[in-house]
Amino acid sequence: MTRKGIISPEAALACCEGKARFRTEDEATSLTGCRRSTVVSAYRCPVCNGWHLTGPGHERAERRRDALRMSRRKLAQADLKLTRAAAAIMESGGDWEDLRTWGRG
């Protein structure tokens, strides 16, 4: 920390390196699927002004958050793929019955 509470970027990176950063305490606990408890809790970081998780189970909670994020991304990609397929079938003169059998060998 330097004078007047200004923190250098190097110090900020060292403090928050590898930690998930959240905007609010509720976001930190809800996105990870954790309840506010003694096992995993969130604390306000004075360096980045965000919230980090702490406690014995915080690594597992962060992995769970990352897995949820990936599954949401995969679901969005599948939805986009289905929407594009539906548009292609409808443009080619097909009907909704073709959509039922689409993707089945």
PDB file of N, CA and C in Angstrom:
ATOM      1  N   MET A   1       0.852  -1.170   0.000  1.00  0.00           N
ATOM      2  CA  MET A   1       0.000   0.000   0.000  1.00  0.00           C
ATOM      3  C   MET A   1       0.896   1.230   0.000  1.00  0.00           C
ATOM      4  N   THR A   2       0.504   2.201  -0.758  1.00  0.00           N
ATOM      5  CA  THR A   2       1.284   3.430  -0.835  1.00  0.00           C
ATOM      6  C   THR A   2       0.617   4.509   0.006  1.00  0.00           C
ATOM      7  N   ARG A   3       1.133   5.722  -0.116  1.00  0.00           N
ATOM      8  CA  ARG A   3       0.576   6.820   0.676  1.00  0.00           C
ATOM      9  C   ARG A   3      -0.877   7.077   0.344  1.00  0.00           C
ATOM     10  N   LYS A   4      -1.592   7.566   1.315  1.00  0.00           N
ATOM     11  CA  LYS A   4      -2.994   7.958   1.200  1.00  0.00           C
ATOM     12  C   LYS A   4      -3.909   6.819   0.755  1.00  0.00           C
ATOM     13  N   GLY A   5      -3.511   5.583   1.022  1.00  0.00           N
ATOM     14  CA  GLY A   5      -4.389   4.453   0.740  1.00  0.00           C
ATOM     15  C   GLY A   5      -4.478   4.054  -0.717  1.00  0.00           C
ATOM     16  N   ILE A   6      -3.645   4.622  -1.580  1.00  0.00           N
ATOM     17  CA  ILE A   6      -3.667   4.253  -2.990  1.00  0.00           C
ATOM     18  C   ILE A   6      -2.843   2.984  -3.159  1.00  0.00           C
ATOM     19  N   ILE A   7      -3.415   2.016  -3.829  1.00  0.00           N
ATOM     20  CA  ILE A   7      -2.768   0.718  -3.972  1.00  0.00           C
ATOM     21  C   ILE A   7      -2.232   0.576  -5.390  1.00  0.00           C
ATOM     22  N   SER A   8      -1.018   0.088  -5.493  1.00  0.00           N
ATOM     23  CA  SER A   8      -0.432  -0.096  -6.821  1.00  0.00           C
ATOM     24  C   SER A   8      -1.114  -1.261  -7.533  1.00  0.00           C
ATOM     25  N   PRO A   9      -1.125  -1.250  -8.865  1.00  0.00           N
ATOM     26  CA  PRO A   9      -1.736  -2.356  -9.607  1.00  0.00           C
ATOM     27  C   PRO A   9      -1.085  -3.705  -9.307  1.00  0.00           C
ATOM     28  N   GLU A  10       0.228  -3.696  -9.049  1.00  0.00           N
ATOM     29  CA  GLU A  10       0.921  -4.944  -8.728  1.00  0.00           C
ATOM     30  C   GLU A  10       0.401  -5.534  -7.417  1.00  0.00           C
ATOM     31  N   ALA A  11       0.168  -4.669  -6.435  1.00  0.00           N
ATOM     32  CA  ALA A  11      -0.358  -5.142  -5.151  1.00  0.00           C
ATOM     33  C   ALA A  11      -1.777  -5.671  -5.312  1.00  0.00           C
ATOM     34  N   ALA A  12      -2.557  -5.022  -6.152  1.00  0.00           N
ATOM     35  CA  ALA A  12      -3.931  -5.478  -6.383  1.00  0.00           C
ATOM     36  C   ALA A  12      -3.935  -6.844  -7.038  1.00  0.00           C
ATOM     37  N   LEU A  13      -3.060  -7.052  -8.014  1.00  0.00           N
ATOM     38  CA  LEU A  13      -2.990  -8.351  -8.680  1.00  0.00           C
ATOM     39  C   LEU A  13      -2.546  -9.439  -7.718  1.00  0.00           C
ATOM     40  N   ALA A  14      -1.579  -9.133  -6.868  1.00  0.00           N
ATOM     41  CA  ALA A  14      -1.090 -10.130  -5.920  1.00  0.00           C
ATOM     42  C   ALA A  14      -2.163 -10.494  -4.899  1.00  0.00           C
ATOM     43  N   CYS A  15      -2.964  -9.521  -4.491  1.00  0.00           N
ATOM     44  CA  CYS A  15      -3.993  -9.768  -3.484  1.00  0.00           C
ATOM     45  C   CYS A  15      -5.120 -10.627  -4.037  1.00  0.00           C
ATOM     46  N   CYS A  16      -5.563 -10.342  -5.250  1.00  0.00           N
ATOM     47  CA  CYS A  16      -6.762 -10.973  -5.793  1.00  0.00           C
ATOM     48  C   CYS A  16      -6.463 -12.057  -6.816  1.00  0.00           C
ATOM     49  N   GLU A  17      -5.210 -12.447  -6.956  1.00  0.00           N
ATOM     50  CA  GLU A  17      -4.842 -13.429  -7.968  1.00  0.00           C
ATOM     51  C   GLU A  17      -5.493 -14.783  -7.691  1.00  0.00           C
ATOM     52  N   GLY A  18      -6.190 -15.301  -8.664  1.00  0.00           N
ATOM     53  CA  GLY A  18      -6.810 -16.613  -8.550  1.00  0.00           C
ATOM     54  C   GLY A  18      -8.093 -16.638  -7.748  1.00  0.00           C
ATOM     55  N   LYS A  19      -8.580 -15.493  -7.336  1.00  0.00           N
ATOM     56  CA  LYS A  19      -9.808 -15.448  -6.544  1.00  0.00           C
ATOM     57  C   LYS A  19     -10.955 -14.948  -7.405  1.00  0.00           C
ATOM     58  N   ALA A  20     -12.113 -15.525  -7.207  1.00  0.00           N
ATOM     59  CA  ALA A  20     -13.298 -15.041  -7.907  1.00  0.00           C
ATOM     60  C   ALA A  20     -13.740 -13.734  -7.259  1.00  0.00           C
ATOM     61  N   ARG A  21     -14.140 -12.779  -8.087  1.00  0.00           N
ATOM     62  CA  ARG A  21     -14.566 -11.477  -7.577  1.00  0.00           C
ATOM     63  C   ARG A  21     -16.051 -11.305  -7.844  1.00  0.00           C
ATOM     64  N   PHE A  22     -16.790 -10.894  -6.830  1.00  0.00           N
ATOM     65  CA  PHE A  22     -18.228 -10.688  -6.936  1.00  0.00           C
ATOM     66  C   PHE A  22     -18.553  -9.245  -6.586  1.00  0.00           C
ATOM     67  N   ARG A  23     -19.679  -8.749  -7.109  1.00  0.00           N
ATOM     68  CA  ARG A  23     -20.063  -7.360  -6.840  1.00  0.00           C
ATOM     69  C   ARG A  23     -20.715  -7.198  -5.473  1.00  0.00           C
ATOM     70  N   THR A  24     -21.508  -8.187  -5.040  1.00  0.00           N
ATOM     71  CA  THR A  24     -22.192  -8.089  -3.750  1.00  0.00           C
ATOM     72  C   THR A  24     -22.023  -9.388  -2.983  1.00  0.00           C
ATOM     73  N   GLU A  25     -22.302  -9.335  -1.701  1.00  0.00           N
ATOM     74  CA  GLU A  25     -22.216 -10.537  -0.876  1.00  0.00           C
ATOM     75  C   GLU A  25     -23.278 -11.551  -1.290  1.00  0.00           C
ATOM     76  N   ASP A  26     -24.475 -11.061  -1.610  1.00  0.00           N
ATOM     77  CA  ASP A  26     -25.538 -11.968  -2.050  1.00  0.00           C
ATOM     78  C   ASP A  26     -25.156 -12.678  -3.341  1.00  0.00           C
ATOM     79  N   GLU A  27     -24.537 -11.960  -4.263  1.00  0.00           N
ATOM     80  CA  GLU A  27     -24.101 -12.582  -5.510  1.00  0.00           C
ATOM     81  C   GLU A  27     -23.056 -13.656  -5.225  1.00  0.00           C
ATOM     82  N   ALA A  28     -22.152 -13.379  -4.317  1.00  0.00           N
ATOM     83  CA  ALA A  28     -21.107 -14.346  -3.989  1.00  0.00           C
ATOM     84  C   ALA A  28     -21.698 -15.626  -3.423  1.00  0.00           C
ATOM     85  N   THR A  29     -22.674 -15.505  -2.546  1.00  0.00           N
ATOM     86  CA  THR A  29     -23.223 -16.705  -1.916  1.00  0.00           C
ATOM     87  C   THR A  29     -24.257 -17.391  -2.790  1.00  0.00           C
ATOM     88  N   SER A  30     -25.014 -16.651  -3.594  1.00  0.00           N
ATOM     89  CA  SER A  30     -26.057 -17.294  -4.397  1.00  0.00           C
ATOM     90  C   SER A  30     -25.490 -17.955  -5.644  1.00  0.00           C
ATOM     91  N   LEU A  31     -24.520 -17.346  -6.302  1.00  0.00           N
ATOM     92  CA  LEU A  31     -23.967 -17.935  -7.518  1.00  0.00           C
ATOM     93  C   LEU A  31     -23.217 -19.221  -7.242  1.00  0.00           C
ATOM     94  N   THR A  32     -22.664 -19.351  -6.074  1.00  0.00           N
ATOM     95  CA  THR A  32     -21.909 -20.552  -5.760  1.00  0.00           C
ATOM     96  C   THR A  32     -22.792 -21.636  -5.182  1.00  0.00           C
ATOM     97  N   GLY A  33     -24.042 -21.343  -4.932  1.00  0.00           N
ATOM     98  CA  GLY A  33     -24.937 -22.341  -4.366  1.00  0.00           C
ATOM     99  C   GLY A  33     -24.708 -22.550  -2.885  1.00  0.00           C
ATOM    100  N   CYS A  34     -24.063 -21.607  -2.244  1.00  0.00           N
ATOM    101  CA  CYS A  34     -23.755 -21.732  -0.820  1.00  0.00           C
ATOM    102  C   CYS A  34     -24.662 -20.831  -0.006  1.00  0.00           C
ATOM    103  N   ARG A  35     -24.847 -21.220   1.207  1.00  0.00           N
ATOM    104  CA  ARG A  35     -25.565 -20.357   2.139  1.00  0.00           C
ATOM    105  C   ARG A  35     -24.525 -19.624   2.977  1.00  0.00           C
ATOM    106  N   ARG A  36     -24.955 -18.531   3.531  1.00  0.00           N
ATOM    107  CA  ARG A  36     -24.041 -17.842   4.448  1.00  0.00           C
ATOM    108  C   ARG A  36     -23.859 -18.736   5.664  1.00  0.00           C
ATOM    109  N   SER A  37     -22.671 -19.192   5.852  1.00  0.00           N
ATOM    110  CA  SER A  37     -22.414 -20.105   6.965  1.00  0.00           C
ATOM    111  C   SER A  37     -20.961 -19.951   7.393  1.00  0.00           C
ATOM    112  N   THR A  38     -20.578 -20.784   8.321  1.00  0.00           N
ATOM    113  CA  THR A  38     -19.195 -20.742   8.778  1.00  0.00           C
ATOM    114  C   THR A  38     -18.281 -21.465   7.803  1.00  0.00           C
ATOM    115  N   VAL A  39     -18.848 -22.322   6.938  1.00  0.00           N
ATOM    116  CA  VAL A  39     -18.008 -23.074   6.006  1.00  0.00           C
ATOM    117  C   VAL A  39     -17.507 -22.173   4.886  1.00  0.00           C
ATOM    118  N   VAL A  40     -18.422 -21.463   4.248  1.00  0.00           N
ATOM    119  CA  VAL A  40     -18.044 -20.539   3.186  1.00  0.00           C
ATOM    120  C   VAL A  40     -18.688 -19.201   3.487  1.00  0.00           C
ATOM    121  N   SER A  41     -17.879 -18.185   3.538  1.00  0.00           N
ATOM    122  CA  SER A  41     -18.427 -16.851   3.742  1.00  0.00           C
ATOM    123  C   SER A  41     -17.744 -15.897   2.770  1.00  0.00           C
ATOM    124  N   ALA A  42     -18.320 -14.747   2.601  1.00  0.00           N
ATOM    125  CA  ALA A  42     -17.767 -13.745   1.696  1.00  0.00           C
ATOM    126  C   ALA A  42     -17.207 -12.592   2.516  1.00  0.00           C
ATOM    127  N   TYR A  43     -16.111 -12.030   2.041  1.00  0.00           N
ATOM    128  CA  TYR A  43     -15.543 -10.865   2.716  1.00  0.00           C
ATOM    129  C   TYR A  43     -15.270  -9.767   1.695  1.00  0.00           C
ATOM    130  N   ARG A  44     -15.332  -8.547   2.147  1.00  0.00           N
ATOM    131  CA  ARG A  44     -15.116  -7.380   1.293  1.00  0.00           C
ATOM    132  C   ARG A  44     -13.618  -7.164   1.141  1.00  0.00           C
ATOM    133  N   CYS A  45     -13.147  -7.133  -0.091  1.00  0.00           N
ATOM    134  CA  CYS A  45     -11.724  -6.946  -0.357  1.00  0.00           C
ATOM    135  C   CYS A  45     -11.405  -5.452  -0.394  1.00  0.00           C
ATOM    136  N   PRO A  46     -10.467  -4.996   0.424  1.00  0.00           N
ATOM    137  CA  PRO A  46     -10.129  -3.573   0.418  1.00  0.00           C
ATOM    138  C   PRO A  46      -9.335  -3.165  -0.823  1.00  0.00           C
ATOM    139  N   VAL A  47      -8.773  -4.132  -1.535  1.00  0.00           N
ATOM    140  CA  VAL A  47      -7.944  -3.826  -2.697  1.00  0.00           C
ATOM    141  C   VAL A  47      -8.786  -3.593  -3.942  1.00  0.00           C
ATOM    142  N   CYS A  48      -9.638  -4.588  -4.290  1.00  0.00           N
ATOM    143  CA  CYS A  48     -10.415  -4.471  -5.531  1.00  0.00           C
ATOM    144  C   CYS A  48     -11.831  -3.978  -5.266  1.00  0.00           C
ATOM    145  N   ASN A  49     -12.197  -3.814  -3.990  1.00  0.00           N
ATOM    146  CA  ASN A  49     -13.514  -3.343  -3.580  1.00  0.00           C
ATOM    147  C   ASN A  49     -14.625  -4.324  -3.978  1.00  0.00           C
ATOM    148  N   GLY A  50     -14.262  -5.565  -4.206  1.00  0.00           N
ATOM    149  CA  GLY A  50     -15.244  -6.601  -4.528  1.00  0.00           C
ATOM    150  C   GLY A  50     -15.371  -7.566  -3.364  1.00  0.00           C
ATOM    151  N   TRP A  51     -16.093  -8.646  -3.579  1.00  0.00           N
ATOM    152  CA  TRP A  51     -16.276  -9.668  -2.555  1.00  0.00           C
ATOM    153  C   TRP A  51     -15.571 -10.938  -2.991  1.00  0.00           C
ATOM    154  N   HIS A  52     -14.869 -11.573  -2.050  1.00  0.00           N
ATOM    155  CA  HIS A  52     -14.220 -12.859  -2.287  1.00  0.00           C
ATOM    156  C   HIS A  52     -14.795 -13.873  -1.305  1.00  0.00           C
ATOM    157  N   LEU A  53     -14.655 -15.149  -1.655  1.00  0.00           N
ATOM    158  CA  LEU A  53     -15.103 -16.207  -0.753  1.00  0.00           C
ATOM    159  C   LEU A  53     -13.947 -16.659   0.119  1.00  0.00           C
ATOM    160  N   THR A  54     -14.272 -17.063   1.318  1.00  0.00           N
ATOM    161  CA  THR A  54     -13.264 -17.579   2.226  1.00  0.00           C
ATOM    162  C   THR A  54     -13.857 -18.730   3.016  1.00  0.00           C
ATOM    163  N   GLY A  55     -13.007 -19.491   3.647  1.00  0.00           N
ATOM    164  CA  GLY A  55     -13.463 -20.626   4.434  1.00  0.00           C
ATOM    165  C   GLY A  55     -12.960 -21.929   3.844  1.00  0.00           C
ATOM    166  N   PRO A  56     -13.111 -23.038   4.594  1.00  0.00           N
ATOM    167  CA  PRO A  56     -12.586 -24.328   4.140  1.00  0.00           C
ATOM    168  C   PRO A  56     -13.181 -24.817   2.820  1.00  0.00           C
ATOM    169  N   GLY A  57     -14.422 -24.453   2.513  1.00  0.00           N
ATOM    170  CA  GLY A  57     -15.061 -24.964   1.308  1.00  0.00           C
ATOM    171  C   GLY A  57     -15.098 -23.994   0.151  1.00  0.00           C
ATOM    172  N   HIS A  58     -14.324 -22.896   0.212  1.00  0.00           N
ATOM    173  CA  HIS A  58     -14.478 -21.886  -0.833  1.00  0.00           C
ATOM    174  C   HIS A  58     -13.936 -22.329  -2.191  1.00  0.00           C
ATOM    175  N   GLU A  59     -12.920 -23.206  -2.220  1.00  0.00           N
ATOM    176  CA  GLU A  59     -12.420 -23.679  -3.513  1.00  0.00           C
ATOM    177  C   GLU A  59     -13.485 -24.509  -4.214  1.00  0.00           C
ATOM    178  N   ARG A  60     -14.138 -25.380  -3.460  1.00  0.00           N
ATOM    179  CA  ARG A  60     -15.203 -26.209  -4.031  1.00  0.00           C
ATOM    180  C   ARG A  60     -16.361 -25.332  -4.506  1.00  0.00           C
ATOM    181  N   ALA A  61     -16.677 -24.299  -3.756  1.00  0.00           N
ATOM    182  CA  ALA A  61     -17.762 -23.396  -4.138  1.00  0.00           C
ATOM    183  C   ALA A  61     -17.426 -22.651  -5.429  1.00  0.00           C
ATOM    184  N   GLU A  62     -16.175 -22.239  -5.578  1.00  0.00           N
ATOM    185  CA  GLU A  62     -15.783 -21.552  -6.805  1.00  0.00           C
ATOM    186  C   GLU A  62     -15.795 -22.502  -7.993  1.00  0.00           C
ATOM    187  N   ARG A  63     -15.399 -23.757  -7.781  1.00  0.00           N
ATOM    188  CA  ARG A  63     -15.474 -24.740  -8.870  1.00  0.00           C
ATOM    189  C   ARG A  63     -16.918 -24.979  -9.268  1.00  0.00           C
ATOM    190  N   ARG A  64     -17.821 -25.021  -8.285  1.00  0.00           N
ATOM    191  CA  ARG A  64     -19.243 -25.205  -8.579  1.00  0.00           C
ATOM    192  C   ARG A  64     -19.781 -24.026  -9.388  1.00  0.00           C
ATOM    193  N   ARG A  65     -19.375 -22.827  -9.023  1.00  0.00           N
ATOM    194  CA  ARG A  65     -19.803 -21.640  -9.766  1.00  0.00           C
ATOM    195  C   ARG A  65     -19.325 -21.710 -11.216  1.00  0.00           C
ATOM    196  N   ASP A  66     -18.072 -22.123 -11.410  1.00  0.00           N
ATOM    197  CA  ASP A  66     -17.547 -22.232 -12.770  1.00  0.00           C
ATOM    198  C   ASP A  66     -18.285 -23.300 -13.566  1.00  0.00           C
ATOM    199  N   ALA A  67     -18.639 -24.414 -12.920  1.00  0.00           N
ATOM    200  CA  ALA A  67     -19.380 -25.477 -13.604  1.00  0.00           C
ATOM    201  C   ALA A  67     -20.776 -24.997 -13.991  1.00  0.00           C
ATOM    202  N   LEU A  68     -21.434 -24.248 -13.112  1.00  0.00           N
ATOM    203  CA  LEU A  68     -22.750 -23.699 -13.443  1.00  0.00           C
ATOM    204  C   LEU A  68     -22.656 -22.735 -14.618  1.00  0.00           C
ATOM    205  N   ARG A  69     -21.622 -21.945 -14.628  1.00  0.00           N
ATOM    206  CA  ARG A  69     -21.428 -20.998 -15.720  1.00  0.00           C
ATOM    207  C   ARG A  69     -21.233 -21.734 -17.050  1.00  0.00           C
ATOM    208  N   MET A  70     -20.454 -22.827 -17.016  1.00  0.00           N
ATOM    209  CA  MET A  70     -20.223 -23.605 -18.236  1.00  0.00           C
ATOM    210  C   MET A  70     -21.502 -24.276 -18.707  1.00  0.00           C
ATOM    211  N   SER A  71     -22.299 -24.818 -17.783  1.00  0.00           N
ATOM    212  CA  SER A  71     -23.528 -25.488 -18.202  1.00  0.00           C
ATOM    213  C   SER A  71     -24.517 -24.479 -18.783  1.00  0.00           C
ATOM    214  N   ARG A  72     -24.558 -23.281 -18.253  1.00  0.00           N
ATOM    215  CA  ARG A  72     -25.427 -22.244 -18.830  1.00  0.00           C
ATOM    216  C   ARG A  72     -24.969 -21.876 -20.237  1.00  0.00           C
ATOM    217  N   ARG A  73     -23.662 -21.819 -20.432  1.00  0.00           N
ATOM    218  CA  ARG A  73     -23.120 -21.493 -21.753  1.00  0.00           C
ATOM    219  C   ARG A  73     -23.457 -22.596 -22.755  1.00  0.00           C
ATOM    220  N   LYS A  74     -23.313 -23.863 -22.336  1.00  0.00           N
ATOM    221  CA  LYS A  74     -23.641 -24.979 -23.224  1.00  0.00           C
ATOM    222  C   LYS A  74     -25.122 -24.990 -23.568  1.00  0.00           C
ATOM    223  N   LEU A  75     -25.967 -24.682 -22.610  1.00  0.00           N
ATOM    224  CA  LEU A  75     -27.408 -24.630 -22.861  1.00  0.00           C
ATOM    225  C   LEU A  75     -27.740 -23.519 -23.859  1.00  0.00           C
ATOM    226  N   ALA A  76     -27.099 -22.382 -23.724  1.00  0.00           N
ATOM    227  CA  ALA A  76     -27.334 -21.279 -24.658  1.00  0.00           C
ATOM    228  C   ALA A  76     -26.868 -21.648 -26.063  1.00  0.00           C
ATOM    229  N   GLN A  77     -25.741 -22.366 -26.168  1.00  0.00           N
ATOM    230  CA  GLN A  77     -25.253 -22.789 -27.478  1.00  0.00           C
ATOM    231  C   GLN A  77     -26.205 -23.790 -28.120  1.00  0.00           C
ATOM    232  N   ALA A  78     -26.739 -24.727 -27.337  1.00  0.00           N
ATOM    233  CA  ALA A  78     -27.689 -25.705 -27.865  1.00  0.00           C
ATOM    234  C   ALA A  78     -28.973 -25.021 -28.320  1.00  0.00           C
ATOM    235  N   ASP A  79     -29.417 -24.028 -27.569  1.00  0.00           N
ATOM    236  CA  ASP A  79     -30.620 -23.288 -27.942  1.00  0.00           C
ATOM    237  C   ASP A  79     -30.405 -22.537 -29.256  1.00  0.00           C
ATOM    238  N   LEU A  80     -29.250 -21.938 -29.413  1.00  0.00           N
ATOM    239  CA  LEU A  80     -28.934 -21.225 -30.647  1.00  0.00           C
ATOM    240  C   LEU A  80     -28.878 -22.189 -31.828  1.00  0.00           C
ATOM    241  N   LYS A  81     -28.280 -23.361 -31.604  1.00  0.00           N
ATOM    242  CA  LYS A  81     -28.188 -24.356 -32.668  1.00  0.00           C
ATOM    243  C   LYS A  81     -29.581 -24.819 -33.100  1.00  0.00           C
ATOM    244  N   LEU A  82     -30.459 -25.051 -32.144  1.00  0.00           N
ATOM    245  CA  LEU A  82     -31.821 -25.476 -32.461  1.00  0.00           C
ATOM    246  C   LEU A  82     -32.592 -24.370 -33.187  1.00  0.00           C
ATOM    247  N   THR A  83     -32.399 -23.137 -32.770  1.00  0.00           N
ATOM    248  CA  THR A  83     -33.065 -22.013 -33.432  1.00  0.00           C
ATOM    249  C   THR A  83     -32.611 -21.887 -34.879  1.00  0.00           C
ATOM    250  N   ARG A  84     -31.318 -22.041 -35.113  1.00  0.00           N
ATOM    251  CA  ARG A  84     -30.801 -21.973 -36.484  1.00  0.00           C
ATOM    252  C   ARG A  84     -31.340 -23.121 -37.332  1.00  0.00           C
ATOM    253  N   ALA A  85     -31.420 -24.310 -36.751  1.00  0.00           N
ATOM    254  CA  ALA A  85     -31.948 -25.460 -37.487  1.00  0.00           C
ATOM    255  C   ALA A  85     -33.415 -25.244 -37.836  1.00  0.00           C
ATOM    256  N   ALA A  86     -34.177 -24.713 -36.896  1.00  0.00           N
ATOM    257  CA  ALA A  86     -35.595 -24.449 -37.153  1.00  0.00           C
ATOM    258  C   ALA A  86     -35.758 -23.427 -38.268  1.00  0.00           C
ATOM    259  N   ALA A  87     -34.930 -22.399 -38.255  1.00  0.00           N
ATOM    260  CA  ALA A  87     -35.006 -21.385 -39.308  1.00  0.00           C
ATOM    261  C   ALA A  87     -34.652 -21.980 -40.663  1.00  0.00           C
ATOM    262  N   ALA A  88     -33.637 -22.849 -40.702  1.00  0.00           N
ATOM    263  CA  ALA A  88     -33.241 -23.474 -41.967  1.00  0.00           C
ATOM    264  C   ALA A  88     -34.343 -24.385 -42.500  1.00  0.00           C
ATOM    265  N   ILE A  89     -34.980 -25.145 -41.629  1.00  0.00           N
ATOM    266  CA  ILE A  89     -36.063 -26.041 -42.055  1.00  0.00           C
ATOM    267  C   ILE A  89     -37.243 -25.238 -42.571  1.00  0.00           C
ATOM    268  N   MET A  90     -37.598 -24.175 -41.870  1.00  0.00           N
ATOM    269  CA  MET A  90     -38.744 -23.368 -42.297  1.00  0.00           C
ATOM    270  C   MET A  90     -38.454 -22.634 -43.610  1.00  0.00           C
ATOM    271  N   GLU A  91     -37.214 -22.189 -43.798  1.00  0.00           N
ATOM    272  CA  GLU A  91     -36.863 -21.511 -45.046  1.00  0.00           C
ATOM    273  C   GLU A  91     -36.875 -22.463 -46.231  1.00  0.00           C
ATOM    274  N   SER A  92     -36.569 -23.730 -45.985  1.00  0.00           N
ATOM    275  CA  SER A  92     -36.528 -24.700 -47.081  1.00  0.00           C
ATOM    276  C   SER A  92     -37.918 -25.237 -47.416  1.00  0.00           C
ATOM    277  N   GLY A  93     -38.932 -24.712 -46.767  1.00  0.00           N
ATOM    278  CA  GLY A  93     -40.297 -25.134 -47.071  1.00  0.00           C
ATOM    279  C   GLY A  93     -40.784 -26.274 -46.205  1.00  0.00           C
ATOM    280  N   GLY A  94     -40.065 -26.613 -45.180  1.00  0.00           N
ATOM    281  CA  GLY A  94     -40.487 -27.686 -44.281  1.00  0.00           C
ATOM    282  C   GLY A  94     -41.563 -27.202 -43.327  1.00  0.00           C
ATOM    283  N   ASP A  95     -42.048 -28.103 -42.514  1.00  0.00           N
ATOM    284  CA  ASP A  95     -43.044 -27.714 -41.518  1.00  0.00           C
ATOM    285  C   ASP A  95     -42.567 -28.147 -40.135  1.00  0.00           C
ATOM    286  N   TRP A  96     -43.387 -27.903 -39.130  1.00  0.00           N
ATOM    287  CA  TRP A  96     -42.995 -28.182 -37.753  1.00  0.00           C
ATOM    288  C   TRP A  96     -42.822 -29.669 -37.498  1.00  0.00           C
ATOM    289  N   GLU A  97     -43.444 -30.534 -38.296  1.00  0.00           N
ATOM    290  CA  GLU A  97     -43.258 -31.981 -38.127  1.00  0.00           C
ATOM    291  C   GLU A  97     -41.815 -32.374 -38.422  1.00  0.00           C
ATOM    292  N   ASP A  98     -41.178 -31.647 -39.352  1.00  0.00           N
ATOM    293  CA  ASP A  98     -39.778 -31.931 -39.656  1.00  0.00           C
ATOM    294  C   ASP A  98     -38.885 -31.649 -38.448  1.00  0.00           C
ATOM    295  N   LEU A  99     -39.285 -30.696 -37.640  1.00  0.00           N
ATOM    296  CA  LEU A  99     -38.485 -30.371 -36.452  1.00  0.00           C
ATOM    297  C   LEU A  99     -38.509 -31.495 -35.428  1.00  0.00           C
ATOM    298  N   ARG A 100     -39.597 -32.230 -35.358  1.00  0.00           N
ATOM    299  CA  ARG A 100     -39.682 -33.325 -34.385  1.00  0.00           C
ATOM    300  C   ARG A 100     -38.656 -34.406 -34.676  1.00  0.00           C
ATOM    301  N   THR A 101     -38.427 -34.668 -35.950  1.00  0.00           N
ATOM    302  CA  THR A 101     -37.514 -35.748 -36.322  1.00  0.00           C
ATOM    303  C   THR A 101     -36.104 -35.244 -36.584  1.00  0.00           C
ATOM    304  N   TRP A 102     -35.893 -33.928 -36.537  1.00  0.00           N
ATOM    305  CA  TRP A 102     -34.570 -33.396 -36.804  1.00  0.00           C
ATOM    306  C   TRP A 102     -33.585 -33.857 -35.738  1.00  0.00           C
ATOM    307  N   GLY A 103     -32.441 -34.296 -36.152  1.00  0.00           N
ATOM    308  CA  GLY A 103     -31.416 -34.731 -35.220  1.00  0.00           C
ATOM    309  C   GLY A 103     -31.514 -36.193 -34.841  1.00  0.00           C
ATOM    310  N   ARG A 104     -32.526 -36.877 -35.259  1.00  0.00           N
ATOM    311  CA  ARG A 104     -32.643 -38.315 -34.983  1.00  0.00           C
ATOM    312  C   ARG A 104     -32.196 -39.073 -36.225  1.00  0.00           C
ATOM    313  N   GLY A 105     -31.318 -40.013 -36.023  1.00  0.00           N
ATOM    314  CA  GLY A 105     -30.758 -40.790 -37.134  1.00  0.00           C
ATOM    315  C   GLY A 105     -31.735 -41.527 -37.862  1.00  0.00           C
TER     316      GLY A 105
END
